[in-house]
Amino acid sequence: MHYVAFALVHQGDTDLTSSPYERRRTALEALFADHRLEAPLTLCPSTTDPAVARGWLEWTAAGLKGLCFKQRVHP
């Protein structure tokens, strides 16, 4: 069993739920890198490339059931 993480919602005492997805994702990637987290914790793959995302839909053997799309917000 794996726990797949998409974004970080709290960082210490800071609530990130109202922060843009890109900030929450960057914080999560830093958490994985800083603490060398590995299975059963899994960082969900992420891309802005439509061709890469289409390829992921072919991962049925790995149990992939769909994709999650997040709106990119630019200040």
N, C-alpha and C. Protein backbone atom coordinates (compact mmCIF):
# COMPACT_ATOMS: atom_id res chain seq x y z
N MET A 1 0.84 -1.18 0.00
CA MET A 1 0.00 0.00 0.00
C MET A 1 0.89 1.24 0.00
N HIS A 2 0.46 2.26 -0.73
CA HIS A 2 1.18 3.51 -0.80
C HIS A 2 0.25 4.67 -0.46
N TYR A 3 0.82 5.72 0.10
CA TYR A 3 0.12 6.98 0.30
C TYR A 3 0.67 7.93 -0.75
N VAL A 4 -0.20 8.36 -1.67
CA VAL A 4 0.23 9.24 -2.76
C VAL A 4 -0.15 10.67 -2.42
N ALA A 5 0.85 11.55 -2.37
CA ALA A 5 0.63 12.96 -2.01
C ALA A 5 0.64 13.84 -3.26
N PHE A 6 -0.32 14.75 -3.33
CA PHE A 6 -0.45 15.67 -4.46
C PHE A 6 0.05 17.07 -4.12
N ALA A 7 -0.25 17.53 -2.92
CA ALA A 7 0.12 18.88 -2.50
C ALA A 7 0.11 18.93 -0.98
N LEU A 8 0.82 19.88 -0.42
CA LEU A 8 0.89 20.05 1.02
C LEU A 8 -0.17 21.05 1.46
N VAL A 9 -0.93 20.72 2.50
CA VAL A 9 -1.98 21.63 2.95
C VAL A 9 -1.61 22.36 4.25
N HIS A 10 -0.67 21.82 5.01
CA HIS A 10 -0.15 22.48 6.21
C HIS A 10 1.35 22.31 6.24
N GLN A 11 2.04 23.37 6.61
CA GLN A 11 3.49 23.32 6.76
C GLN A 11 3.82 23.92 8.12
N GLY A 12 4.11 23.05 9.08
CA GLY A 12 4.28 23.52 10.45
C GLY A 12 2.96 24.09 10.94
N ASP A 13 2.97 25.32 11.40
CA ASP A 13 1.75 25.98 11.86
C ASP A 13 1.06 26.76 10.76
N THR A 14 1.58 26.70 9.53
CA THR A 14 1.03 27.49 8.43
C THR A 14 0.01 26.68 7.65
N ASP A 15 -1.19 27.23 7.52
CA ASP A 15 -2.26 26.63 6.73
C ASP A 15 -2.07 27.06 5.27
N LEU A 16 -1.83 26.10 4.40
CA LEU A 16 -1.60 26.40 2.98
C LEU A 16 -2.85 26.16 2.12
N THR A 17 -3.97 25.83 2.73
CA THR A 17 -5.14 25.47 1.94
C THR A 17 -5.64 26.58 1.01
N SER A 18 -5.40 27.82 1.35
CA SER A 18 -5.83 28.91 0.48
C SER A 18 -4.71 29.39 -0.46
N SER A 19 -3.55 28.75 -0.36
CA SER A 19 -2.43 29.11 -1.24
C SER A 19 -2.62 28.49 -2.62
N PRO A 20 -2.04 29.09 -3.64
CA PRO A 20 -2.13 28.50 -4.98
C PRO A 20 -1.51 27.10 -5.00
N TYR A 21 -2.03 26.25 -5.88
CA TYR A 21 -1.55 24.87 -6.00
C TYR A 21 -0.04 24.83 -6.19
N GLU A 22 0.51 25.70 -7.03
CA GLU A 22 1.95 25.67 -7.31
C GLU A 22 2.77 25.85 -6.03
N ARG A 23 2.31 26.71 -5.12
CA ARG A 23 3.03 26.90 -3.85
C ARG A 23 2.94 25.65 -2.99
N ARG A 24 1.72 25.06 -2.93
CA ARG A 24 1.54 23.84 -2.13
C ARG A 24 2.34 22.68 -2.70
N ARG A 25 2.41 22.59 -4.03
CA ARG A 25 3.17 21.51 -4.67
C ARG A 25 4.67 21.70 -4.43
N THR A 26 5.16 22.93 -4.56
CA THR A 26 6.58 23.22 -4.33
C THR A 26 6.95 22.87 -2.89
N ALA A 27 6.08 23.21 -1.94
CA ALA A 27 6.34 22.89 -0.53
C ALA A 27 6.39 21.38 -0.32
N LEU A 28 5.52 20.64 -1.00
CA LEU A 28 5.52 19.19 -0.88
C LEU A 28 6.80 18.60 -1.48
N GLU A 29 7.20 19.07 -2.64
CA GLU A 29 8.42 18.57 -3.27
C GLU A 29 9.64 18.83 -2.37
N ALA A 30 9.67 19.99 -1.73
CA ALA A 30 10.76 20.32 -0.82
C ALA A 30 10.75 19.38 0.39
N LEU A 31 9.57 19.08 0.91
CA LEU A 31 9.44 18.17 2.05
C LEU A 31 9.99 16.79 1.69
N PHE A 32 9.63 16.28 0.50
CA PHE A 32 10.14 14.98 0.06
C PHE A 32 11.66 15.02 -0.08
N ALA A 33 12.19 16.09 -0.68
CA ALA A 33 13.63 16.19 -0.90
C ALA A 33 14.39 16.36 0.42
N ASP A 34 13.91 17.26 1.28
CA ASP A 34 14.61 17.55 2.53
C ASP A 34 14.66 16.36 3.48
N HIS A 35 13.60 15.55 3.46
CA HIS A 35 13.51 14.43 4.40
C HIS A 35 13.74 13.08 3.73
N ARG A 36 14.10 13.13 2.45
CA ARG A 36 14.35 11.90 1.67
C ARG A 36 13.25 10.88 1.86
N LEU A 37 12.00 11.36 1.72
CA LEU A 37 10.85 10.48 1.91
C LEU A 37 10.77 9.48 0.76
N GLU A 38 10.38 8.27 1.09
CA GLU A 38 10.23 7.22 0.09
C GLU A 38 9.10 6.29 0.51
N ALA A 39 8.84 5.27 -0.31
CA ALA A 39 7.72 4.35 -0.09
C ALA A 39 7.66 3.91 1.37
N PRO A 40 6.45 3.87 1.91
CA PRO A 40 5.16 3.91 1.24
C PRO A 40 4.64 5.31 0.92
N LEU A 41 5.39 6.37 1.26
CA LEU A 41 5.01 7.72 0.86
C LEU A 41 5.46 7.92 -0.58
N THR A 42 4.57 8.42 -1.41
CA THR A 42 4.86 8.57 -2.83
C THR A 42 4.45 9.96 -3.30
N LEU A 43 5.35 10.63 -3.99
CA LEU A 43 5.04 11.93 -4.58
C LEU A 43 4.37 11.68 -5.92
N CYS A 44 3.15 12.15 -6.05
CA CYS A 44 2.40 11.97 -7.29
C CYS A 44 3.12 12.69 -8.42
N PRO A 45 3.27 12.05 -9.59
CA PRO A 45 3.89 12.75 -10.71
C PRO A 45 3.06 13.97 -11.11
N SER A 46 3.72 14.96 -11.64
CA SER A 46 3.06 16.20 -12.04
C SER A 46 3.67 16.70 -13.34
N THR A 47 2.84 17.25 -14.21
CA THR A 47 3.34 17.79 -15.47
C THR A 47 2.42 18.90 -15.97
N THR A 48 2.96 19.76 -16.79
CA THR A 48 2.15 20.76 -17.50
C THR A 48 2.13 20.42 -18.99
N ASP A 49 2.72 19.30 -19.37
CA ASP A 49 2.81 18.88 -20.76
C ASP A 49 1.64 17.95 -21.10
N PRO A 50 0.73 18.38 -21.97
CA PRO A 50 -0.43 17.54 -22.33
C PRO A 50 -0.05 16.17 -22.90
N ALA A 51 1.03 16.09 -23.64
CA ALA A 51 1.45 14.81 -24.22
C ALA A 51 1.86 13.82 -23.12
N VAL A 52 2.55 14.32 -22.11
CA VAL A 52 2.94 13.47 -20.98
C VAL A 52 1.69 12.99 -20.25
N ALA A 53 0.75 13.88 -20.00
CA ALA A 53 -0.49 13.51 -19.31
C ALA A 53 -1.26 12.46 -20.10
N ARG A 54 -1.34 12.60 -21.42
CA ARG A 54 -2.01 11.60 -22.25
C ARG A 54 -1.34 10.24 -22.10
N GLY A 55 -0.02 10.22 -22.05
CA GLY A 55 0.71 8.97 -21.86
C GLY A 55 0.38 8.30 -20.54
N TRP A 56 0.16 9.10 -19.50
CA TRP A 56 -0.18 8.53 -18.20
C TRP A 56 -1.49 7.76 -18.25
N LEU A 57 -2.41 8.14 -19.13
CA LEU A 57 -3.69 7.43 -19.23
C LEU A 57 -3.50 6.00 -19.72
N GLU A 58 -2.33 5.69 -20.22
CA GLU A 58 -2.03 4.33 -20.68
C GLU A 58 -1.45 3.46 -19.57
N TRP A 59 -1.35 3.97 -18.36
CA TRP A 59 -0.76 3.24 -17.24
C TRP A 59 -1.75 2.30 -16.56
N THR A 60 -2.67 1.72 -17.28
CA THR A 60 -3.70 0.89 -16.65
C THR A 60 -3.10 -0.28 -15.88
N ALA A 61 -1.96 -0.81 -16.31
CA ALA A 61 -1.33 -1.92 -15.61
C ALA A 61 -0.88 -1.52 -14.20
N ALA A 62 -0.63 -0.24 -14.01
CA ALA A 62 -0.20 0.25 -12.70
C ALA A 62 -1.39 0.63 -11.82
N GLY A 63 -2.59 0.49 -12.35
CA GLY A 63 -3.79 0.80 -11.57
C GLY A 63 -4.23 2.25 -11.66
N LEU A 64 -3.70 3.01 -12.61
CA LEU A 64 -4.11 4.41 -12.77
C LEU A 64 -5.54 4.46 -13.26
N LYS A 65 -6.36 5.23 -12.59
CA LYS A 65 -7.77 5.30 -12.94
C LYS A 65 -8.17 6.66 -13.48
N GLY A 66 -7.28 7.59 -13.54
CA GLY A 66 -7.63 8.91 -14.04
C GLY A 66 -6.56 9.92 -13.73
N LEU A 67 -6.82 11.15 -14.10
CA LEU A 67 -5.90 12.25 -13.87
C LEU A 67 -6.60 13.31 -13.06
N CYS A 68 -5.83 14.09 -12.34
CA CYS A 68 -6.35 15.22 -11.56
C CYS A 68 -5.79 16.47 -12.18
N PHE A 69 -6.65 17.38 -12.58
CA PHE A 69 -6.21 18.63 -13.19
C PHE A 69 -6.35 19.77 -12.18
N LYS A 70 -5.33 20.61 -12.11
CA LYS A 70 -5.35 21.78 -11.24
C LYS A 70 -5.16 23.02 -12.10
N GLN A 71 -5.95 24.03 -11.81
CA GLN A 71 -5.82 25.28 -12.54
C GLN A 71 -4.58 26.01 -12.07
N ARG A 72 -3.77 26.46 -13.01
CA ARG A 72 -2.59 27.24 -12.66
C ARG A 72 -3.01 28.69 -12.56
N VAL A 73 -2.74 29.30 -11.43
CA VAL A 73 -3.12 30.69 -11.19
C VAL A 73 -1.85 31.52 -11.15
N HIS A 74 -1.81 32.55 -11.96
CA HIS A 74 -0.66 33.44 -11.97
C HIS A 74 -1.07 34.78 -11.39
N PRO A 75 -0.31 35.25 -10.39
CA PRO A 75 -0.66 36.54 -9.75
C PRO A 75 -0.48 37.71 -10.70
